[in-house]
Amino acid sequence: MTIRSLHRPVAAAGFALALLCGALPAGIAGAAEPEINGAAASLVVNFYSVGSFPLDASTGLMDPNLVVISGAPDMRYRMFSGEFRKRPRRSAAGVMHVKRRGASFRKQRGKLDAEGTARFSIDPMELGGGLPFSVQAAVATRRARPREWRLSGATAADVVFTRSSGVRVAMGPGSVATLLGPITGLAPFAVMVGNIAYSVGAETVLGNFATLDDLTEGEWLDVDGVFGVTGTFVAVELNREDAGKEVRMRGRVEGLGSAGFSILGVSVYVSSATEYTDDTTGAAATYEDITESMPVQIFIPADATDVPVATKIRLNVEIEPEPEPEPEPEPEEEEPPSRPFCS
């Protein structure tokens, strides 16, 4: 299993995993902790940190797979992954649930950042075997040697086809598809915001600029768009906007997964920090309240380059009336033609 950092590298070869044979880091000491994540040592996979021990998570063959370790800022850590140990090994640092022998065992080491976190991405191509594995971390609780360590809770990860979602609900022509964000591409009759391309035609309203030639990549654009006839997107109105801190998407949910969903043909992910609000009531909501075809608005940090994780999601947002399938016309009685116009 190949793991890469989502932040700056700790060392040139620090993220090449090697097999480990032997014991836990020397100098482990301290009071034994319950078999859960704590402030001194925490580890989650794909943002999932709830449930009975061991914490369950899913890793997707088609999606980014994230491991997040947290503890005190600038502390050393060790991360272990491999088979789940049915008979755990107990020590002063906690309870070790990863089997430290066998070809599947891997170890990662490094240093937490100034915020006390380290983030990694598991290469999904390495998960092709579809075998479950377990992940656990040891985080130092003091900087001076001999270091004292604390074990995090263990996470049992099941390999699934995808942890976001494919498109299960097809959006018909005219279904809302609006987007506010930076321009990433321009063509004579198209504009791309993020990785979503909109066709621009004679009926597209250019709100505060004359032609597409007036735009440059990196500028922010508010796109009032709809789905086209073949799953493409059509721009109804375009307006320049000042650069912001959040990209905003509005549309209907096309499919739901365990840690994210599809909207506008792309995947968006959620975390334990994602906030949910139901626009119809103004009350707080949860991820479980989202349903397929629900109109939602999503807020994603503009600097989210690796994985689009929503910070806020508004449920049941108001959208413009969408076209309904027209029924077959019923036969009508013939009427006399209209009288001619007279000036």
C-alpha atoms as a PDB file:
ATOM      1  CA  MET A   1       0.000   0.000   0.000  1.00  0.00           C
ATOM      2  CA  THR A   2       1.505   3.313  -1.067  1.00  0.00           C
ATOM      3  CA  ILE A   3       0.847   6.366   1.093  1.00  0.00           C
ATOM      4  CA  ARG A   4       1.758   9.915   0.204  1.00  0.00           C
ATOM      5  CA  SER A   5       1.588  13.102   2.220  1.00  0.00           C
ATOM      6  CA  LEU A   6      -0.949  15.787   1.426  1.00  0.00           C
ATOM      7  CA  HIS A   7       1.337  18.394   2.972  1.00  0.00           C
ATOM      8  CA  ARG A   8       5.011  19.222   2.819  1.00  0.00           C
ATOM      9  CA  PRO A   9       7.367  16.205   2.962  1.00  0.00           C
ATOM     10  CA  VAL A  10       9.156  15.572   6.233  1.00  0.00           C
ATOM     11  CA  ALA A  11      12.188  14.086   4.537  1.00  0.00           C
ATOM     12  CA  ALA A  12      13.181  13.229   1.008  1.00  0.00           C
ATOM     13  CA  ALA A  13      12.535   9.537   1.485  1.00  0.00           C
ATOM     14  CA  GLY A  14      10.215   9.888   4.449  1.00  0.00           C
ATOM     15  CA  PHE A  15       7.127   8.655   2.657  1.00  0.00           C
ATOM     16  CA  ALA A  16       8.537   5.463   1.159  1.00  0.00           C
ATOM     17  CA  LEU A  17       7.040   2.774   3.320  1.00  0.00           C
ATOM     18  CA  ALA A  18       9.209  -0.064   4.509  1.00  0.00           C
ATOM     19  CA  LEU A  19       8.448  -3.362   6.152  1.00  0.00           C
ATOM     20  CA  LEU A  20       8.988  -3.368   9.866  1.00  0.00           C
ATOM     21  CA  CYS A  21       9.967  -6.324  11.995  1.00  0.00           C
ATOM     22  CA  GLY A  22      10.342  -5.798  15.707  1.00  0.00           C
ATOM     23  CA  ALA A  23       8.684  -3.972  18.538  1.00  0.00           C
ATOM     24  CA  LEU A  24       7.000  -0.632  19.040  1.00  0.00           C
ATOM     25  CA  PRO A  25       9.191   2.478  19.353  1.00  0.00           C
ATOM     26  CA  ALA A  26      11.603   2.265  22.255  1.00  0.00           C
ATOM     27  CA  GLY A  27      10.815   4.375  25.259  1.00  0.00           C
ATOM     28  CA  ILE A  28       7.063   3.944  25.176  1.00  0.00           C
ATOM     29  CA  ALA A  29       5.716   4.929  28.570  1.00  0.00           C
ATOM     30  CA  GLY A  30       2.733   6.573  30.195  1.00  0.00           C
ATOM     31  CA  ALA A  31      -0.656   5.509  31.456  1.00  0.00           C
ATOM     32  CA  ALA A  32      -2.647   3.070  29.343  1.00  0.00           C
ATOM     33  CA  GLU A  33      -5.494   4.706  27.451  1.00  0.00           C
ATOM     34  CA  PRO A  34      -8.896   3.311  26.446  1.00  0.00           C
ATOM     35  CA  GLU A  35      -9.058   1.876  22.946  1.00  0.00           C
ATOM     36  CA  ILE A  36     -10.371   5.116  21.445  1.00  0.00           C
ATOM     37  CA  ASN A  37      -8.997   8.275  19.909  1.00  0.00           C
ATOM     38  CA  GLY A  38      -7.965  10.974  22.365  1.00  0.00           C
ATOM     39  CA  ALA A  39      -6.491  14.455  22.386  1.00  0.00           C
ATOM     40  CA  ALA A  40      -2.940  13.097  22.675  1.00  0.00           C
ATOM     41  CA  ALA A  41      -3.263  10.601  19.818  1.00  0.00           C
ATOM     42  CA  SER A  42      -6.019  10.354  17.239  1.00  0.00           C
ATOM     43  CA  LEU A  43      -6.289   8.682  13.843  1.00  0.00           C
ATOM     44  CA  VAL A  44      -9.199   8.615  11.398  1.00  0.00           C
ATOM     45  CA  VAL A  45      -9.566   7.220   7.892  1.00  0.00           C
ATOM     46  CA  ASN A  46     -11.685   9.191   5.418  1.00  0.00           C
ATOM     47  CA  PHE A  47     -12.846  11.487   8.211  1.00  0.00           C
ATOM     48  CA  TYR A  48     -14.832   8.688   9.844  1.00  0.00           C
ATOM     49  CA  SER A  49     -14.395   8.598  13.612  1.00  0.00           C
ATOM     50  CA  VAL A  50     -17.619   7.260  15.087  1.00  0.00           C
ATOM     51  CA  GLY A  51     -18.951   3.816  15.862  1.00  0.00           C
ATOM     52  CA  SER A  52     -17.972   0.967  18.134  1.00  0.00           C
ATOM     53  CA  PHE A  53     -14.363  -0.139  18.508  1.00  0.00           C
ATOM     54  CA  PRO A  54     -12.592  -0.684  16.220  1.00  0.00           C
ATOM     55  CA  LEU A  55     -13.732   2.363  14.293  1.00  0.00           C
ATOM     56  CA  ASP A  56     -15.105   1.344  10.908  1.00  0.00           C
ATOM     57  CA  ALA A  57     -14.188   3.158   7.714  1.00  0.00           C
ATOM     58  CA  SER A  58     -14.334   2.635   3.963  1.00  0.00           C
ATOM     59  CA  THR A  59     -11.585   3.162   1.419  1.00  0.00           C
ATOM     60  CA  GLY A  60     -12.556   3.508  -2.225  1.00  0.00           C
ATOM     61  CA  LEU A  61     -10.884   2.061  -5.288  1.00  0.00           C
ATOM     62  CA  MET A  62     -12.000   5.077  -7.325  1.00  0.00           C
ATOM     63  CA  ASP A  63     -11.546   7.888  -4.794  1.00  0.00           C
ATOM     64  CA  PRO A  64      -8.968   9.645  -2.626  1.00  0.00           C
ATOM     65  CA  ASN A  65      -8.364   7.757   0.604  1.00  0.00           C
ATOM     66  CA  LEU A  66      -7.250   9.897   3.496  1.00  0.00           C
ATOM     67  CA  VAL A  67      -5.563   9.157   6.813  1.00  0.00           C
ATOM     68  CA  VAL A  68      -5.403  11.973   9.386  1.00  0.00           C
ATOM     69  CA  ILE A  69      -3.250  11.754  12.530  1.00  0.00           C
ATOM     70  CA  SER A  70      -3.526  14.389  15.240  1.00  0.00           C
ATOM     71  CA  GLY A  71      -1.932  15.173  18.579  1.00  0.00           C
ATOM     72  CA  ALA A  72       0.132  17.981  20.085  1.00  0.00           C
ATOM     73  CA  PRO A  73       1.821  20.332  17.569  1.00  0.00           C
ATOM     74  CA  ASP A  74       5.236  19.356  16.203  1.00  0.00           C
ATOM     75  CA  MET A  75       5.227  15.942  17.885  1.00  0.00           C
ATOM     76  CA  ARG A  76       6.728  12.818  16.323  1.00  0.00           C
ATOM     77  CA  TYR A  77       4.374  10.082  15.186  1.00  0.00           C
ATOM     78  CA  ARG A  78       4.443   6.513  13.907  1.00  0.00           C
ATOM     79  CA  MET A  79       1.642   5.094  11.782  1.00  0.00           C
ATOM     80  CA  PHE A  80       1.073   1.350  11.402  1.00  0.00           C
ATOM     81  CA  SER A  81      -1.128  -0.475   8.902  1.00  0.00           C
ATOM     82  CA  GLY A  82      -1.660  -4.156   8.283  1.00  0.00           C
ATOM     83  CA  GLU A  83      -3.803  -7.049   9.418  1.00  0.00           C
ATOM     84  CA  PHE A  84      -6.071  -6.580  12.422  1.00  0.00           C
ATOM     85  CA  ARG A  85      -4.690  -8.344  15.475  1.00  0.00           C
ATOM     86  CA  LYS A  86      -7.371 -10.463  17.130  1.00  0.00           C
ATOM     87  CA  ARG A  87      -5.303 -10.733  20.294  1.00  0.00           C
ATOM     88  CA  PRO A  88      -4.112  -7.161  20.904  1.00  0.00           C
ATOM     89  CA  ARG A  89      -0.788  -6.342  22.487  1.00  0.00           C
ATOM     90  CA  ARG A  90      -1.078  -4.178  25.595  1.00  0.00           C
ATOM     91  CA  SER A  91       1.546  -1.704  26.765  1.00  0.00           C
ATOM     92  CA  ALA A  92       1.812   1.485  28.775  1.00  0.00           C
ATOM     93  CA  ALA A  93       1.117   3.437  25.567  1.00  0.00           C
ATOM     94  CA  GLY A  94      -2.213   1.732  24.981  1.00  0.00           C
ATOM     95  CA  VAL A  95      -3.455  -1.296  23.084  1.00  0.00           C
ATOM     96  CA  MET A  96      -1.875  -2.244  19.744  1.00  0.00           C
ATOM     97  CA  HIS A  97      -4.322  -3.792  17.264  1.00  0.00           C
ATOM     98  CA  VAL A  98      -2.195  -3.952  14.110  1.00  0.00           C
ATOM     99  CA  LYS A  99      -0.360  -7.195  13.465  1.00  0.00           C
ATOM    100  CA  ARG A 100       3.305  -6.247  13.065  1.00  0.00           C
ATOM    101  CA  ARG A 101       4.325  -9.247  10.988  1.00  0.00           C
ATOM    102  CA  GLY A 102       3.544 -10.300   7.469  1.00  0.00           C
ATOM    103  CA  ALA A 103       3.870  -8.811   3.988  1.00  0.00           C
ATOM    104  CA  SER A 104       0.938  -6.423   4.481  1.00  0.00           C
ATOM    105  CA  PHE A 105       2.458  -4.598   7.449  1.00  0.00           C
ATOM    106  CA  ARG A 106       3.636  -1.039   6.783  1.00  0.00           C
ATOM    107  CA  LYS A 107       5.057   1.715   8.969  1.00  0.00           C
ATOM    108  CA  GLN A 108       5.108   5.465   8.376  1.00  0.00           C
ATOM    109  CA  ARG A 109       6.905   8.004  10.528  1.00  0.00           C
ATOM    110  CA  GLY A 110       7.180  11.761  10.582  1.00  0.00           C
ATOM    111  CA  LYS A 111       6.336  14.911  12.494  1.00  0.00           C
ATOM    112  CA  LEU A 112       2.980  16.582  13.043  1.00  0.00           C
ATOM    113  CA  ASP A 113       2.649  20.126  11.688  1.00  0.00           C
ATOM    114  CA  ALA A 114       2.164  23.314  13.694  1.00  0.00           C
ATOM    115  CA  GLU A 115      -1.544  22.540  13.996  1.00  0.00           C
ATOM    116  CA  GLY A 116      -0.835  19.057  15.320  1.00  0.00           C
ATOM    117  CA  THR A 117      -1.930  17.078  12.266  1.00  0.00           C
ATOM    118  CA  ALA A 118      -0.482  14.929   9.506  1.00  0.00           C
ATOM    119  CA  ARG A 119      -2.519  13.937   6.454  1.00  0.00           C
ATOM    120  CA  PHE A 120      -1.830  11.148   3.980  1.00  0.00           C
ATOM    121  CA  SER A 121      -3.429   9.793   0.858  1.00  0.00           C
ATOM    122  CA  ILE A 122      -3.521   6.052   0.212  1.00  0.00           C
ATOM    123  CA  ASP A 123      -3.051   5.289  -3.468  1.00  0.00           C
ATOM    124  CA  PRO A 124      -6.309   3.563  -4.508  1.00  0.00           C
ATOM    125  CA  MET A 125      -4.451   1.506  -7.101  1.00  0.00           C
ATOM    126  CA  GLU A 126      -2.774  -0.297  -4.214  1.00  0.00           C
ATOM    127  CA  LEU A 127      -6.165  -1.420  -2.880  1.00  0.00           C
ATOM    128  CA  GLY A 128      -7.020  -3.622  -5.836  1.00  0.00           C
ATOM    129  CA  GLY A 129      -6.969  -6.758  -3.725  1.00  0.00           C
ATOM    130  CA  GLY A 130     -10.022  -5.522  -1.894  1.00  0.00           C
ATOM    131  CA  LEU A 131      -8.742  -6.878   1.432  1.00  0.00           C
ATOM    132  CA  PRO A 132      -9.624  -5.065   4.676  1.00  0.00           C
ATOM    133  CA  PHE A 133      -6.765  -3.675   6.745  1.00  0.00           C
ATOM    134  CA  SER A 134      -6.297  -1.879  10.038  1.00  0.00           C
ATOM    135  CA  VAL A 135      -4.573   1.448  10.745  1.00  0.00           C
ATOM    136  CA  GLN A 136      -3.293   2.814  14.057  1.00  0.00           C
ATOM    137  CA  ALA A 137      -0.885   5.552  15.165  1.00  0.00           C
ATOM    138  CA  ALA A 138       1.512   6.229  18.012  1.00  0.00           C
ATOM    139  CA  VAL A 139       2.078   9.920  18.830  1.00  0.00           C
ATOM    140  CA  ALA A 140       4.819  11.220  21.107  1.00  0.00           C
ATOM    141  CA  THR A 141       3.652  13.132  24.174  1.00  0.00           C
ATOM    142  CA  ARG A 142       7.005  14.782  24.902  1.00  0.00           C
ATOM    143  CA  ARG A 143       9.741  16.159  22.659  1.00  0.00           C
ATOM    144  CA  ALA A 144      12.743  15.292  24.806  1.00  0.00           C
ATOM    145  CA  ARG A 145      14.296  11.834  24.825  1.00  0.00           C
ATOM    146  CA  PRO A 146      13.382   9.345  26.021  1.00  0.00           C
ATOM    147  CA  ARG A 147      10.075  10.092  24.287  1.00  0.00           C
ATOM    148  CA  GLU A 148       6.791   8.914  25.717  1.00  0.00           C
ATOM    149  CA  TRP A 149       4.174   7.629  23.272  1.00  0.00           C
ATOM    150  CA  ARG A 150       0.411   7.273  23.178  1.00  0.00           C
ATOM    151  CA  LEU A 151      -1.461   4.916  20.866  1.00  0.00           C
ATOM    152  CA  SER A 152      -4.530   6.105  19.009  1.00  0.00           C
ATOM    153  CA  GLY A 153      -7.659   4.083  18.525  1.00  0.00           C
ATOM    154  CA  ALA A 154      -7.494   1.500  15.748  1.00  0.00           C
ATOM    155  CA  THR A 155      -9.514   1.860  12.555  1.00  0.00           C
ATOM    156  CA  ALA A 156     -10.694  -1.140  10.567  1.00  0.00           C
ATOM    157  CA  ALA A 157     -10.873  -0.135   6.910  1.00  0.00           C
ATOM    158  CA  ASP A 158     -12.971  -2.025   4.354  1.00  0.00           C
ATOM    159  CA  VAL A 159     -12.050  -1.637   0.701  1.00  0.00           C
ATOM    160  CA  VAL A 160     -15.104  -0.784  -1.401  1.00  0.00           C
ATOM    161  CA  PHE A 161     -15.552   0.161  -5.049  1.00  0.00           C
ATOM    162  CA  THR A 162     -16.068   3.823  -4.268  1.00  0.00           C
ATOM    163  CA  ARG A 163     -16.585   5.853  -1.112  1.00  0.00           C
ATOM    164  CA  SER A 164     -18.213   8.821  -2.792  1.00  0.00           C
ATOM    165  CA  SER A 165     -20.880   7.948  -5.307  1.00  0.00           C
ATOM    166  CA  GLY A 166     -21.540   7.375  -8.943  1.00  0.00           C
ATOM    167  CA  VAL A 167     -24.432   9.124 -10.662  1.00  0.00           C
ATOM    168  CA  ARG A 168     -27.618   7.284  -9.724  1.00  0.00           C
ATOM    169  CA  VAL A 169     -30.139  10.008 -10.577  1.00  0.00           C
ATOM    170  CA  ALA A 170     -29.845  11.413 -14.082  1.00  0.00           C
ATOM    171  CA  MET A 171     -30.516  15.129 -14.301  1.00  0.00           C
ATOM    172  CA  GLY A 172     -32.737  16.147 -17.197  1.00  0.00           C
ATOM    173  CA  PRO A 173     -32.097  19.111 -19.509  1.00  0.00           C
ATOM    174  CA  GLY A 174     -32.743  22.360 -17.674  1.00  0.00           C
ATOM    175  CA  SER A 175     -31.902  21.045 -14.208  1.00  0.00           C
ATOM    176  CA  VAL A 176     -30.048  23.669 -12.190  1.00  0.00           C
ATOM    177  CA  ALA A 177     -26.231  23.604 -12.233  1.00  0.00           C
ATOM    178  CA  THR A 178     -24.808  26.829 -10.800  1.00  0.00           C
ATOM    179  CA  LEU A 179     -21.216  27.399  -9.737  1.00  0.00           C
ATOM    180  CA  LEU A 180     -19.122  30.211  -8.273  1.00  0.00           C
ATOM    181  CA  GLY A 181     -15.360  29.805  -8.505  1.00  0.00           C
ATOM    182  CA  PRO A 182     -12.136  30.536 -10.404  1.00  0.00           C
ATOM    183  CA  ILE A 183     -11.878  30.176 -14.167  1.00  0.00           C
ATOM    184  CA  THR A 184      -9.582  27.299 -15.108  1.00  0.00           C
ATOM    185  CA  GLY A 185     -10.065  27.290 -18.891  1.00  0.00           C
ATOM    186  CA  LEU A 186     -11.434  29.378 -21.742  1.00  0.00           C
ATOM    187  CA  ALA A 187     -12.440  28.564 -25.322  1.00  0.00           C
ATOM    188  CA  PRO A 188     -14.297  30.535 -28.012  1.00  0.00           C
ATOM    189  CA  PHE A 189     -17.660  29.044 -26.960  1.00  0.00           C
ATOM    190  CA  ALA A 190     -16.969  27.570 -23.530  1.00  0.00           C
ATOM    191  CA  VAL A 191     -15.699  28.403 -20.066  1.00  0.00           C
ATOM    192  CA  MET A 192     -14.430  26.033 -17.394  1.00  0.00           C
ATOM    193  CA  VAL A 193     -14.762  26.684 -13.658  1.00  0.00           C
ATOM    194  CA  GLY A 194     -12.902  24.092 -11.632  1.00  0.00           C
ATOM    195  CA  ASN A 195     -13.290  20.923 -13.686  1.00  0.00           C
ATOM    196  CA  ILE A 196     -16.805  21.706 -14.902  1.00  0.00           C
ATOM    197  CA  ALA A 197     -17.128  23.068 -18.437  1.00  0.00           C
ATOM    198  CA  TYR A 198     -20.077  25.195 -19.570  1.00  0.00           C
ATOM    199  CA  SER A 199     -20.945  25.888 -23.186  1.00  0.00           C
ATOM    200  CA  VAL A 200     -21.554  29.560 -23.981  1.00  0.00           C
ATOM    201  CA  GLY A 201     -23.934  30.418 -26.808  1.00  0.00           C
ATOM    202  CA  ALA A 202     -25.788  33.335 -28.335  1.00  0.00           C
ATOM    203  CA  GLU A 203     -28.491  33.097 -25.655  1.00  0.00           C
ATOM    204  CA  THR A 204     -26.012  33.271 -22.749  1.00  0.00           C
ATOM    205  CA  VAL A 205     -26.307  36.555 -20.871  1.00  0.00           C
ATOM    206  CA  LEU A 206     -22.928  38.210 -20.200  1.00  0.00           C
ATOM    207  CA  GLY A 207     -23.745  40.273 -17.156  1.00  0.00           C
ATOM    208  CA  ASN A 208     -20.793  42.597 -16.483  1.00  0.00           C
ATOM    209  CA  PHE A 209     -18.427  42.024 -19.418  1.00  0.00           C
ATOM    210  CA  ALA A 210     -18.777  42.156 -23.189  1.00  0.00           C
ATOM    211  CA  THR A 211     -17.182  38.968 -24.550  1.00  0.00           C
ATOM    212  CA  LEU A 212     -15.310  35.905 -23.315  1.00  0.00           C
ATOM    213  CA  ASP A 213     -12.133  37.596 -24.565  1.00  0.00           C
ATOM    214  CA  ASP A 214     -12.463  39.982 -21.620  1.00  0.00           C
ATOM    215  CA  LEU A 215     -11.948  37.107 -19.163  1.00  0.00           C
ATOM    216  CA  THR A 216      -8.686  35.576 -17.983  1.00  0.00           C
ATOM    217  CA  GLU A 217      -7.924  32.332 -16.181  1.00  0.00           C
ATOM    218  CA  GLY A 218      -7.867  32.750 -12.421  1.00  0.00           C
ATOM    219  CA  GLU A 219     -10.658  35.321 -12.357  1.00  0.00           C
ATOM    220  CA  TRP A 220     -13.784  34.346 -10.463  1.00  0.00           C
ATOM    221  CA  LEU A 221     -17.015  33.748 -12.303  1.00  0.00           C
ATOM    222  CA  ASP A 222     -20.591  33.269 -11.102  1.00  0.00           C
ATOM    223  CA  VAL A 223     -22.177  30.798 -13.515  1.00  0.00           C
ATOM    224  CA  ASP A 224     -25.943  30.448 -13.599  1.00  0.00           C
ATOM    225  CA  GLY A 225     -26.133  27.193 -15.543  1.00  0.00           C
ATOM    226  CA  VAL A 226     -28.281  24.199 -16.368  1.00  0.00           C
ATOM    227  CA  PHE A 227     -27.788  20.653 -17.582  1.00  0.00           C
ATOM    228  CA  GLY A 228     -27.795  20.246 -21.360  1.00  0.00           C
ATOM    229  CA  VAL A 229     -29.359  17.498 -23.423  1.00  0.00           C
ATOM    230  CA  THR A 230     -26.383  15.102 -23.276  1.00  0.00           C
ATOM    231  CA  GLY A 231     -25.197  15.573 -19.702  1.00  0.00           C
ATOM    232  CA  THR A 232     -23.188  18.657 -20.624  1.00  0.00           C
ATOM    233  CA  PHE A 233     -23.665  22.056 -18.987  1.00  0.00           C
ATOM    234  CA  VAL A 234     -25.034  25.222 -20.557  1.00  0.00           C
ATOM    235  CA  ALA A 235     -24.323  28.698 -19.195  1.00  0.00           C
ATOM    236  CA  VAL A 236     -27.478  30.798 -18.881  1.00  0.00           C
ATOM    237  CA  GLU A 237     -25.802  33.858 -17.353  1.00  0.00           C
ATOM    238  CA  LEU A 238     -22.183  34.730 -16.499  1.00  0.00           C
ATOM    239  CA  ASN A 239     -20.980  37.419 -14.101  1.00  0.00           C
ATOM    240  CA  ARG A 240     -17.518  38.386 -12.935  1.00  0.00           C
ATOM    241  CA  GLU A 241     -17.076  38.239  -9.178  1.00  0.00           C
ATOM    242  CA  ASP A 242     -14.346  39.159  -6.712  1.00  0.00           C
ATOM    243  CA  ALA A 243     -12.147  36.268  -5.629  1.00  0.00           C
ATOM    244  CA  GLY A 244     -13.469  34.520  -2.559  1.00  0.00           C
ATOM    245  CA  LYS A 245     -12.384  31.963   0.008  1.00  0.00           C
ATOM    246  CA  GLU A 246     -15.048  29.405  -0.916  1.00  0.00           C
ATOM    247  CA  VAL A 247     -16.250  27.789  -4.115  1.00  0.00           C
ATOM    248  CA  ARG A 248     -20.028  27.433  -4.163  1.00  0.00           C
ATOM    249  CA  MET A 249     -22.021  24.805  -6.046  1.00  0.00           C
ATOM    250  CA  ARG A 250     -25.788  24.526  -6.320  1.00  0.00           C
ATOM    251  CA  GLY A 251     -27.664  21.630  -7.823  1.00  0.00           C
ATOM    252  CA  ARG A 252     -29.418  18.355  -7.105  1.00  0.00           C
ATOM    253  CA  VAL A 253     -27.738  15.374  -5.437  1.00  0.00           C
ATOM    254  CA  GLU A 254     -27.108  12.699  -8.071  1.00  0.00           C
ATOM    255  CA  GLY A 255     -25.894   9.913  -5.762  1.00  0.00           C
ATOM    256  CA  LEU A 256     -24.934   9.291  -2.138  1.00  0.00           C
ATOM    257  CA  GLY A 257     -21.966   7.387  -0.712  1.00  0.00           C
ATOM    258  CA  SER A 258     -20.587   6.673   2.740  1.00  0.00           C
ATOM    259  CA  ALA A 259     -18.460   9.842   2.893  1.00  0.00           C
ATOM    260  CA  GLY A 260     -19.552  11.979  -0.015  1.00  0.00           C
ATOM    261  CA  PHE A 261     -21.923  12.407  -2.911  1.00  0.00           C
ATOM    262  CA  SER A 262     -22.167  13.314  -6.587  1.00  0.00           C
ATOM    263  CA  ILE A 263     -23.386  16.692  -7.808  1.00  0.00           C
ATOM    264  CA  LEU A 264     -22.950  18.327 -11.230  1.00  0.00           C
ATOM    265  CA  GLY A 265     -21.270  15.105 -12.319  1.00  0.00           C
ATOM    266  CA  VAL A 266     -18.407  15.388  -9.817  1.00  0.00           C
ATOM    267  CA  SER A 267     -17.684  14.017  -6.335  1.00  0.00           C
ATOM    268  CA  VAL A 268     -17.776  16.125  -3.177  1.00  0.00           C
ATOM    269  CA  TYR A 269     -16.699  14.775   0.207  1.00  0.00           C
ATOM    270  CA  VAL A 270     -17.712  15.511   3.783  1.00  0.00           C
ATOM    271  CA  SER A 271     -15.891  15.335   7.100  1.00  0.00           C
ATOM    272  CA  SER A 272     -16.747  15.386  10.769  1.00  0.00           C
ATOM    273  CA  ALA A 273     -16.311  19.193  10.630  1.00  0.00           C
ATOM    274  CA  THR A 274     -18.850  19.720   7.820  1.00  0.00           C
ATOM    275  CA  GLU A 275     -21.808  21.846   8.927  1.00  0.00           C
ATOM    276  CA  TYR A 276     -25.342  21.163   7.665  1.00  0.00           C
ATOM    277  CA  THR A 277     -28.375  23.469   7.669  1.00  0.00           C
ATOM    278  CA  ASP A 278     -31.884  22.796   6.362  1.00  0.00           C
ATOM    279  CA  ASP A 279     -33.065  25.894   4.504  1.00  0.00           C
ATOM    280  CA  THR A 280     -36.737  25.023   4.932  1.00  0.00           C
ATOM    281  CA  THR A 281     -36.552  25.116   8.724  1.00  0.00           C
ATOM    282  CA  GLY A 282     -33.293  26.918   9.482  1.00  0.00           C
ATOM    283  CA  ALA A 283     -32.376  24.071  11.823  1.00  0.00           C
ATOM    284  CA  ALA A 284     -29.139  22.130  11.954  1.00  0.00           C
ATOM    285  CA  ALA A 285     -29.107  18.929   9.922  1.00  0.00           C
ATOM    286  CA  THR A 286     -26.837  15.922   9.347  1.00  0.00           C
ATOM    287  CA  TYR A 287     -25.370  14.066   6.385  1.00  0.00           C
ATOM    288  CA  GLU A 288     -28.065  11.400   6.843  1.00  0.00           C
ATOM    289  CA  ASP A 289     -30.725  14.030   6.073  1.00  0.00           C
ATOM    290  CA  ILE A 290     -29.462  14.408   2.501  1.00  0.00           C
ATOM    291  CA  THR A 291     -31.410  12.428  -0.095  1.00  0.00           C
ATOM    292  CA  GLU A 292     -30.963  11.824  -3.789  1.00  0.00           C
ATOM    293  CA  SER A 293     -32.416  14.565  -6.023  1.00  0.00           C
ATOM    294  CA  MET A 294     -32.423  17.031  -3.088  1.00  0.00           C
ATOM    295  CA  PRO A 295     -31.409  20.582  -4.103  1.00  0.00           C
ATOM    296  CA  VAL A 296     -28.343  21.604  -2.083  1.00  0.00           C
ATOM    297  CA  GLN A 297     -25.708  24.316  -1.982  1.00  0.00           C
ATOM    298  CA  ILE A 298     -22.145  23.327  -1.142  1.00  0.00           C
ATOM    299  CA  PHE A 299     -19.268  25.466   0.159  1.00  0.00           C
ATOM    300  CA  ILE A 300     -15.728  24.199  -0.550  1.00  0.00           C
ATOM    301  CA  PRO A 301     -12.486  25.994   0.419  1.00  0.00           C
ATOM    302  CA  ALA A 302     -10.946  27.623  -2.634  1.00  0.00           C
ATOM    303  CA  ASP A 303      -7.515  26.233  -1.718  1.00  0.00           C
ATOM    304  CA  ALA A 304      -8.726  22.605  -1.538  1.00  0.00           C
ATOM    305  CA  THR A 305      -6.401  21.176  -4.166  1.00  0.00           C
ATOM    306  CA  ASP A 306      -6.324  17.488  -3.226  1.00  0.00           C
ATOM    307  CA  VAL A 307      -9.834  16.584  -2.165  1.00  0.00           C
ATOM    308  CA  PRO A 308     -12.980  18.755  -2.365  1.00  0.00           C
ATOM    309  CA  VAL A 309     -14.228  18.527   1.226  1.00  0.00           C
ATOM    310  CA  ALA A 310     -17.327  20.619   1.954  1.00  0.00           C
ATOM    311  CA  THR A 311     -17.195  22.942   4.970  1.00  0.00           C
ATOM    312  CA  LYS A 312     -20.906  23.818   4.797  1.00  0.00           C
ATOM    313  CA  ILE A 313     -23.914  22.281   3.054  1.00  0.00           C
ATOM    314  CA  ARG A 314     -27.350  23.876   2.809  1.00  0.00           C
ATOM    315  CA  LEU A 315     -30.153  21.353   2.308  1.00  0.00           C
ATOM    316  CA  ASN A 316     -33.434  21.958   0.426  1.00  0.00           C
ATOM    317  CA  VAL A 317     -32.240  25.241  -1.044  1.00  0.00           C
ATOM    318  CA  GLU A 318     -34.599  27.220  -3.218  1.00  0.00           C
ATOM    319  CA  ILE A 319     -33.919  26.856  -6.921  1.00  0.00           C
ATOM    320  CA  GLU A 320     -35.521  28.221 -10.052  1.00  0.00           C
ATOM    321  CA  PRO A 321     -38.466  26.192 -11.347  1.00  0.00           C
ATOM    322  CA  GLU A 322     -37.192  23.360 -13.500  1.00  0.00           C
ATOM    323  CA  PRO A 323     -38.950  22.038 -16.592  1.00  0.00           C
ATOM    324  CA  GLU A 324     -41.342  19.175 -15.960  1.00  0.00           C
ATOM    325  CA  PRO A 325     -41.863  16.415 -18.553  1.00  0.00           C
ATOM    326  CA  GLU A 326     -44.642  17.595 -20.813  1.00  0.00           C
ATOM    327  CA  PRO A 327     -47.635  15.238 -21.156  1.00  0.00           C
ATOM    328  CA  GLU A 328     -48.820  14.095 -24.538  1.00  0.00           C
ATOM    329  CA  PRO A 329     -51.262  16.704 -25.939  1.00  0.00           C
ATOM    330  CA  GLU A 330     -54.895  15.688 -25.959  1.00  0.00           C
ATOM    331  CA  PRO A 331     -56.929  16.086 -29.164  1.00  0.00           C
ATOM    332  CA  GLU A 332     -58.574  19.483 -29.369  1.00  0.00           C
ATOM    333  CA  GLU A 333     -61.626  20.632 -31.279  1.00  0.00           C
ATOM    334  CA  GLU A 334     -60.869  22.618 -34.372  1.00  0.00           C
ATOM    335  CA  GLU A 335     -61.420  26.340 -34.021  1.00  0.00           C
ATOM    336  CA  PRO A 336     -61.752  28.909 -36.749  1.00  0.00           C
ATOM    337  CA  PRO A 337     -58.509  30.665 -37.619  1.00  0.00           C
ATOM    338  CA  SER A 338     -57.748  33.967 -35.957  1.00  0.00           C
ATOM    339  CA  ARG A 339     -58.858  37.051 -37.758  1.00  0.00           C
ATOM    340  CA  PRO A 340     -56.191  38.954 -39.628  1.00  0.00           C
ATOM    341  CA  PHE A 341     -54.390  41.828 -38.003  1.00  0.00           C
ATOM    342  CA  CYS A 342     -55.575  45.251 -39.019  1.00  0.00           C
ATOM    343  CA  SER A 343     -53.592  48.408 -38.546  1.00  0.00           C
END
